Amino acid sequence: MTKLIAGCAVLWMATVSARAQSADWTEVIWREPQVRYLLADMTGSGKADLYRKYATRERDPDSREAIRLWDAGVRAVNMADFERKWVTNRFGQDGRVFRVVQRGTDRTILGNEVMLSNDGTFQQGPMRLVLLDLTLGASLKPYEAKAKDDATVAEALRRFRDGGRVINTYLFTRSGTDAAPPFVFKDSGKPADPAFIRLNSDLPYPEVNVRYFLADMLLGGSRDFYHRTAEAAHEMGCQEAVARYDAGVKVTNLDQFERKKVDGKTLITRKGSKERISGNEIKLNSD
C-alpha cells in the first residue's frame, strides 16, 4: 500500500506540474469522462483520500466533482467489467503505472465506459436543452422556479452555475414560435436533437489547457515533458496537446506571445507583459 501511495503521489505531482502551467485549469468545469474514471478508481479501492486531497489542496475540478458525488453515495455499478492494477509503462515509477483497466487486459478504460449509480436520476436530453437555452442567454429565473420540482432542470442549473456551457450553439437556433419545439437545427429547421448538443464537460480535457500546452511547445517547451506526463499520469490534456503538436497544428497568433520566467515560474505571456495568458487567447490554424 505504501508503494501504491508513493506511485500515485508521483503521478499526481506530474499532473499538477503540467496543469499549473495553464492559467485556466482551476476555472473550467469538470470533465465527465475523467470524473467517471475517478469514481471507478474510488469504488474499486473503497477509498477517496487521495482525490479528496486533490480536490481541497489543488482544487482540481475533476476531483472536486468526483468527491461531491462520492460523498452523496454515488458509486460505479459495473466494476465487474474492470480491475485496478499496475501496468507496464516506461514513463511510470519503476517502469509501470497504476490504472483502472478492462478486466483481464492492460487496456486503460475510458471514463465513458463507467456506469454510475445516479445515472437516470435526471434526463440527459432535456438537461442539455436547458443548458442550450441558458448558454444562448435565457433568464435563470423561470428555470429556478421549475428546479424546485424538476431534478432535470435542477441539474442543468447546477452545471450552468459551475461553468457548464454548450460549445456548439452554432448548430441551433430558437424556433421563434410557441407552437414549435423551442430549438431547431439552423440548416434543416428540424427539431433539435439533444444527442447532438455538446457540453464543455463532455470533453476528456479542457480545451484552454490544450491550447496553452501547444503554445508552450511551439515556443520551445519540452514536447517530451508533456508526452511523459500524458503517459505516466493519464493526463488527457497533455495527450491531446502532443497529438496536435505531432500533427503539425500551428498557433496562428504565436508572434503575440513569449515564453519566459516570471517570479521563478516559466509562463507564456503576451510580449512585454509578465501576466500569464489564457488558453482562450490562442488561435489555431485548425479553428
Protein backbone atom coordinates (compact mmCIF):
# COMPACT_ATOMS: atom_id res chain seq x y z
CA MET A 1 0.00 0.00 0.00
CA THR A 2 2.88 2.40 0.81
CA LYS A 3 4.36 1.80 -2.65
CA LEU A 4 0.98 2.37 -4.27
CA ILE A 5 0.52 5.69 -2.46
CA ALA A 6 4.04 6.76 -3.42
CA GLY A 7 3.36 5.87 -7.03
CA CYS A 8 0.12 7.81 -7.08
CA ALA A 9 1.87 10.80 -5.50
CA VAL A 10 4.48 10.83 -8.27
CA LEU A 11 1.75 10.76 -10.94
CA TRP A 12 -0.15 13.50 -9.10
CA MET A 13 2.88 15.79 -8.98
CA ALA A 14 3.49 15.32 -12.72
CA THR A 15 -0.13 16.16 -13.48
CA VAL A 16 -0.17 19.22 -11.24
CA SER A 17 3.13 20.39 -12.72
CA ALA A 18 1.64 20.29 -16.21
CA ARG A 19 -1.68 21.84 -15.25
CA ALA A 20 -0.05 24.58 -13.23
CA GLN A 21 1.42 25.99 -16.43
CA SER A 22 -2.08 26.82 -17.63
CA ALA A 23 -3.92 29.86 -16.26
CA ASP A 24 -7.32 28.23 -16.67
CA TRP A 25 -7.24 24.75 -15.24
CA THR A 26 -8.87 25.64 -11.90
CA GLU A 27 -11.56 27.69 -13.63
CA VAL A 28 -13.02 25.14 -16.05
CA ILE A 29 -15.89 22.78 -15.36
CA TRP A 30 -15.10 19.17 -14.58
CA ARG A 31 -14.64 16.65 -17.37
CA GLU A 32 -17.35 13.99 -17.25
CA PRO A 33 -15.17 11.13 -18.62
CA GLN A 34 -12.47 11.81 -16.04
CA VAL A 35 -14.96 12.12 -13.16
CA ARG A 36 -16.36 8.69 -14.05
CA TYR A 37 -12.85 7.23 -14.21
CA LEU A 38 -12.03 8.62 -10.76
CA LEU A 39 -15.26 7.21 -9.31
CA ALA A 40 -14.38 3.80 -10.75
CA ASP A 41 -10.97 4.02 -9.08
CA MET A 42 -12.50 5.03 -5.75
CA THR A 43 -15.23 2.38 -5.98
CA GLY A 44 -12.64 -0.29 -6.69
CA SER A 45 -10.44 0.74 -3.77
CA GLY A 46 -13.15 1.85 -1.37
CA LYS A 47 -11.02 4.90 -0.58
CA ALA A 48 -11.29 8.55 -1.55
CA ASP A 49 -8.50 10.18 0.49
CA LEU A 50 -6.13 10.77 -2.43
CA TYR A 51 -8.72 12.51 -4.61
CA ARG A 52 -10.09 14.42 -1.63
CA LYS A 53 -6.59 15.86 -1.24
CA TYR A 54 -6.53 16.87 -4.92
CA ALA A 55 -9.98 18.43 -4.55
CA THR A 56 -9.17 20.50 -1.48
CA ARG A 57 -5.48 21.30 -1.79
CA GLU A 58 -5.18 21.72 -5.57
CA ARG A 59 -8.84 22.48 -6.33
CA ASP A 60 -8.76 20.08 -9.25
CA PRO A 61 -12.21 20.35 -10.92
CA ASP A 62 -12.45 16.63 -11.74
CA SER A 63 -11.56 15.58 -8.22
CA ARG A 64 -13.95 18.13 -6.69
CA GLU A 65 -16.87 16.79 -8.71
CA ALA A 66 -15.91 13.16 -8.10
CA ILE A 67 -15.69 13.75 -4.34
CA ARG A 68 -19.02 15.61 -4.37
CA LEU A 69 -20.65 12.59 -5.98
CA TRP A 70 -18.78 10.11 -3.78
CA ASP A 71 -19.93 11.88 -0.62
CA ALA A 72 -23.50 11.78 -1.98
CA GLY A 73 -23.20 7.98 -2.20
CA VAL A 74 -22.59 7.65 -5.94
CA ARG A 75 -20.58 4.57 -6.96
CA ALA A 76 -19.54 2.83 -10.19
CA VAL A 77 -22.00 -0.04 -10.69
CA ASN A 78 -20.21 -2.03 -13.41
CA MET A 79 -16.92 -2.66 -11.60
CA ALA A 80 -17.17 -6.34 -12.56
CA ASP A 81 -16.03 -5.17 -16.01
CA PHE A 82 -12.86 -3.54 -14.63
CA GLU A 83 -9.90 -4.07 -12.32
CA ARG A 84 -7.27 -1.82 -10.74
CA LYS A 85 -3.71 -2.91 -11.44
CA TRP A 86 -0.16 -1.92 -12.25
CA VAL A 87 0.55 -1.92 -15.98
CA THR A 88 3.85 -1.58 -17.79
CA ASN A 89 4.67 2.00 -18.79
CA ARG A 90 8.20 3.25 -19.42
CA PHE A 91 7.28 6.69 -18.09
CA GLY A 92 5.98 5.43 -14.75
CA GLN A 93 7.79 4.82 -11.48
CA ASP A 94 9.83 1.60 -11.80
CA GLY A 95 8.52 1.28 -15.37
CA ARG A 96 4.83 0.91 -14.51
CA VAL A 97 1.73 2.91 -13.63
CA PHE A 98 -1.45 2.14 -11.68
CA ARG A 99 -4.60 2.21 -13.81
CA VAL A 100 -8.22 1.10 -13.98
CA VAL A 101 -8.28 -1.37 -16.88
CA GLN A 102 -10.70 -3.65 -18.66
CA ARG A 103 -10.74 -6.86 -16.64
CA GLY A 104 -8.25 -9.41 -17.91
CA THR A 105 -6.33 -6.86 -20.01
CA ASP A 106 -3.90 -3.95 -19.64
CA ARG A 107 -6.16 -1.54 -21.56
CA THR A 108 -6.86 1.61 -19.55
CA ILE A 109 -10.60 2.21 -19.67
CA LEU A 110 -12.31 5.33 -20.93
CA GLY A 111 -14.40 7.13 -18.35
CA ASN A 112 -17.48 6.90 -20.54
CA GLU A 113 -17.43 3.12 -20.06
CA VAL A 114 -18.26 3.61 -16.37
CA MET A 115 -21.90 3.44 -15.31
CA LEU A 116 -22.81 5.28 -12.11
CA SER A 117 -25.47 4.59 -9.54
CA ASN A 118 -27.05 8.02 -10.13
CA ASP A 119 -27.37 7.57 -13.90
CA GLY A 120 -31.05 8.02 -14.71
CA THR A 121 -31.86 10.36 -11.82
CA PHE A 122 -32.27 13.13 -14.39
CA GLN A 123 -32.89 13.15 -18.15
CA GLN A 124 -29.85 13.92 -20.28
CA GLY A 125 -31.75 15.26 -23.31
CA PRO A 126 -33.93 17.84 -21.54
CA MET A 127 -30.98 18.83 -19.33
CA ARG A 128 -28.93 19.63 -22.45
CA LEU A 129 -31.79 21.62 -23.95
CA VAL A 130 -32.00 23.74 -20.80
CA LEU A 131 -28.24 24.33 -20.95
CA LEU A 132 -28.57 25.29 -24.61
CA ASP A 133 -31.22 27.86 -23.70
CA LEU A 134 -29.12 29.25 -20.85
CA THR A 135 -25.96 29.35 -22.97
CA LEU A 136 -27.86 31.37 -25.56
CA GLY A 137 -28.78 33.91 -22.90
CA ALA A 138 -32.10 32.80 -21.41
CA SER A 139 -33.04 34.16 -17.98
CA LEU A 140 -32.33 31.96 -14.96
CA LYS A 141 -35.49 32.93 -13.10
CA PRO A 142 -38.04 30.71 -14.92
CA TYR A 143 -35.76 27.73 -14.54
CA GLU A 144 -35.09 28.47 -10.88
CA ALA A 145 -38.84 28.21 -10.25
CA LYS A 146 -39.04 24.87 -12.12
CA ALA A 147 -35.96 23.43 -10.44
CA LYS A 148 -37.76 23.01 -7.12
CA ASP A 149 -39.86 20.18 -8.56
CA ASP A 150 -37.78 19.05 -11.54
CA ALA A 151 -34.49 17.19 -10.96
CA THR A 152 -33.50 17.60 -14.61
CA VAL A 153 -33.80 21.40 -14.51
CA ALA A 154 -32.04 21.47 -11.15
CA GLU A 155 -29.11 19.55 -12.62
CA ALA A 156 -28.93 21.90 -15.62
CA LEU A 157 -28.84 24.92 -13.30
CA ARG A 158 -26.16 23.35 -11.11
CA ARG A 159 -23.97 22.70 -14.13
CA PHE A 160 -24.56 26.16 -15.57
CA ARG A 161 -23.57 27.81 -12.30
CA ASP A 162 -20.43 25.66 -12.21
CA GLY A 163 -19.45 26.80 -15.71
CA GLY A 164 -21.27 24.27 -17.87
CA ARG A 165 -21.96 25.57 -21.37
CA VAL A 166 -22.99 24.25 -24.79
CA ILE A 167 -19.99 24.51 -27.12
CA ASN A 168 -21.74 24.01 -30.47
CA THR A 169 -24.55 26.56 -30.22
CA TYR A 170 -23.84 27.49 -33.86
CA LEU A 171 -25.78 24.40 -34.93
CA PHE A 172 -29.05 25.54 -33.33
CA THR A 173 -31.48 28.42 -33.23
CA ARG A 174 -34.70 29.20 -31.39
CA SER A 175 -37.75 28.26 -33.39
CA GLY A 176 -39.45 31.60 -32.73
CA THR A 177 -42.93 30.19 -32.21
CA ASP A 178 -44.66 28.79 -29.14
CA ALA A 179 -46.32 26.06 -31.20
CA ALA A 180 -43.00 24.60 -32.39
CA PRO A 181 -40.17 22.92 -30.46
CA PRO A 182 -38.10 25.62 -28.71
CA PHE A 183 -34.93 24.85 -30.70
CA VAL A 184 -34.29 23.66 -34.25
CA PHE A 185 -31.25 22.87 -36.36
CA LYS A 186 -30.25 26.02 -38.24
CA ASP A 187 -29.67 24.26 -41.56
CA SER A 188 -32.69 21.96 -41.70
CA GLY A 189 -35.24 23.64 -39.43
CA LYS A 190 -35.95 20.24 -37.86
CA PRO A 191 -36.35 19.94 -34.07
CA ALA A 192 -33.03 19.98 -32.24
CA ASP A 193 -31.89 16.52 -31.21
CA PRO A 194 -30.24 16.76 -27.75
CA ALA A 195 -27.90 13.91 -28.75
CA PHE A 196 -26.06 16.44 -30.91
CA ILE A 197 -25.71 19.06 -28.15
CA ARG A 198 -22.10 19.11 -26.94
CA LEU A 199 -21.18 20.36 -23.47
CA ASN A 200 -17.76 21.59 -22.39
CA SER A 201 -17.87 18.87 -19.72
CA ASP A 202 -18.21 16.16 -22.39
CA LEU A 203 -14.59 16.55 -23.48
CA PRO A 204 -11.94 14.44 -21.74
CA TYR A 205 -9.74 17.55 -21.44
CA PRO A 206 -10.13 21.32 -21.07
CA GLU A 207 -9.57 22.96 -24.46
CA VAL A 208 -7.97 26.01 -22.80
CA ASN A 209 -5.22 23.79 -21.38
CA VAL A 210 -4.56 22.04 -24.67
CA ARG A 211 -4.07 25.37 -26.45
CA TYR A 212 -1.76 26.66 -23.72
CA PHE A 213 0.32 23.48 -23.71
CA LEU A 214 0.57 23.54 -27.52
CA ALA A 215 1.75 27.17 -27.47
CA ASP A 216 4.30 26.24 -24.81
CA MET A 217 5.77 23.50 -27.01
CA LEU A 218 5.80 25.73 -30.09
CA LEU A 219 7.67 28.40 -28.12
CA GLY A 220 10.38 25.98 -27.05
CA GLY A 221 8.81 23.99 -24.22
CA SER A 222 9.59 20.29 -23.99
CA ARG A 223 7.35 18.02 -26.02
CA ASP A 224 8.82 15.08 -24.05
CA PHE A 225 7.62 16.63 -20.77
CA TYR A 226 4.02 16.67 -21.98
CA HIS A 227 4.34 13.22 -23.54
CA ARG A 228 5.76 11.81 -20.30
CA THR A 229 3.02 13.44 -18.22
CA ALA A 230 0.31 12.15 -20.58
CA GLU A 231 1.60 8.60 -20.38
CA ALA A 232 2.56 8.46 -16.71
CA ALA A 233 -0.31 10.45 -15.19
CA HIS A 234 -3.19 9.65 -17.56
CA GLU A 235 -3.41 13.39 -18.31
CA MET A 236 -5.67 13.72 -21.35
CA GLY A 237 -5.00 17.43 -21.92
CA CYS A 238 -1.29 16.74 -22.33
CA GLN A 239 -2.06 13.80 -24.58
CA GLU A 240 -4.23 15.91 -26.87
CA ALA A 241 -1.66 18.74 -26.97
CA VAL A 242 1.10 16.32 -28.00
CA ALA A 243 -1.17 14.77 -30.65
CA ARG A 244 -1.86 18.20 -32.16
CA TYR A 245 1.82 19.14 -31.99
CA ASP A 246 2.80 15.93 -33.78
CA ALA A 247 0.06 16.52 -36.37
CA GLY A 248 1.53 19.92 -37.19
CA VAL A 249 -1.23 22.12 -35.75
CA LYS A 250 0.04 25.71 -35.52
CA VAL A 251 -0.80 28.71 -33.34
CA THR A 252 -1.62 31.48 -35.80
CA ASN A 253 -1.03 34.33 -33.34
CA LEU A 254 2.12 32.86 -31.78
CA ASP A 255 4.03 36.07 -32.55
CA GLN A 256 1.96 37.83 -29.87
CA PHE A 257 3.35 35.64 -27.07
CA GLU A 258 6.63 34.75 -25.42
CA ARG A 259 7.84 32.03 -23.08
CA LYS A 260 9.80 33.36 -20.11
CA LYS A 261 10.46 33.11 -16.39
CA VAL A 262 8.29 35.25 -14.12
CA ASP A 263 9.00 35.06 -10.39
CA GLY A 264 10.74 31.73 -10.88
CA LYS A 265 7.96 30.16 -12.98
CA THR A 266 8.07 29.56 -16.73
CA LEU A 267 4.97 31.14 -18.25
CA ILE A 268 3.50 32.02 -21.63
CA THR A 269 2.79 35.76 -21.59
CA ARG A 270 1.91 38.46 -24.04
CA LYS A 271 5.07 40.11 -25.37
CA GLY A 272 6.21 42.81 -23.00
CA SER A 273 3.95 41.57 -20.19
CA LYS A 274 4.50 39.43 -17.10
CA GLU A 275 0.90 38.22 -16.93
CA ARG A 276 0.21 34.63 -17.92
CA ILE A 277 -2.14 34.35 -20.87
CA SER A 278 -5.34 32.32 -21.06
CA GLY A 279 -5.60 29.42 -23.47
CA ASN A 280 -8.69 31.16 -24.84
CA GLU A 281 -6.42 33.80 -26.38
CA ILE A 282 -4.64 31.23 -28.54
CA LYS A 283 -5.82 30.82 -32.14
CA LEU A 284 -5.11 27.67 -34.13
CA ASN A 285 -4.94 27.03 -37.86
CA SER A 286 -7.41 24.21 -37.24
CA ASP A 287 -10.11 26.56 -35.88
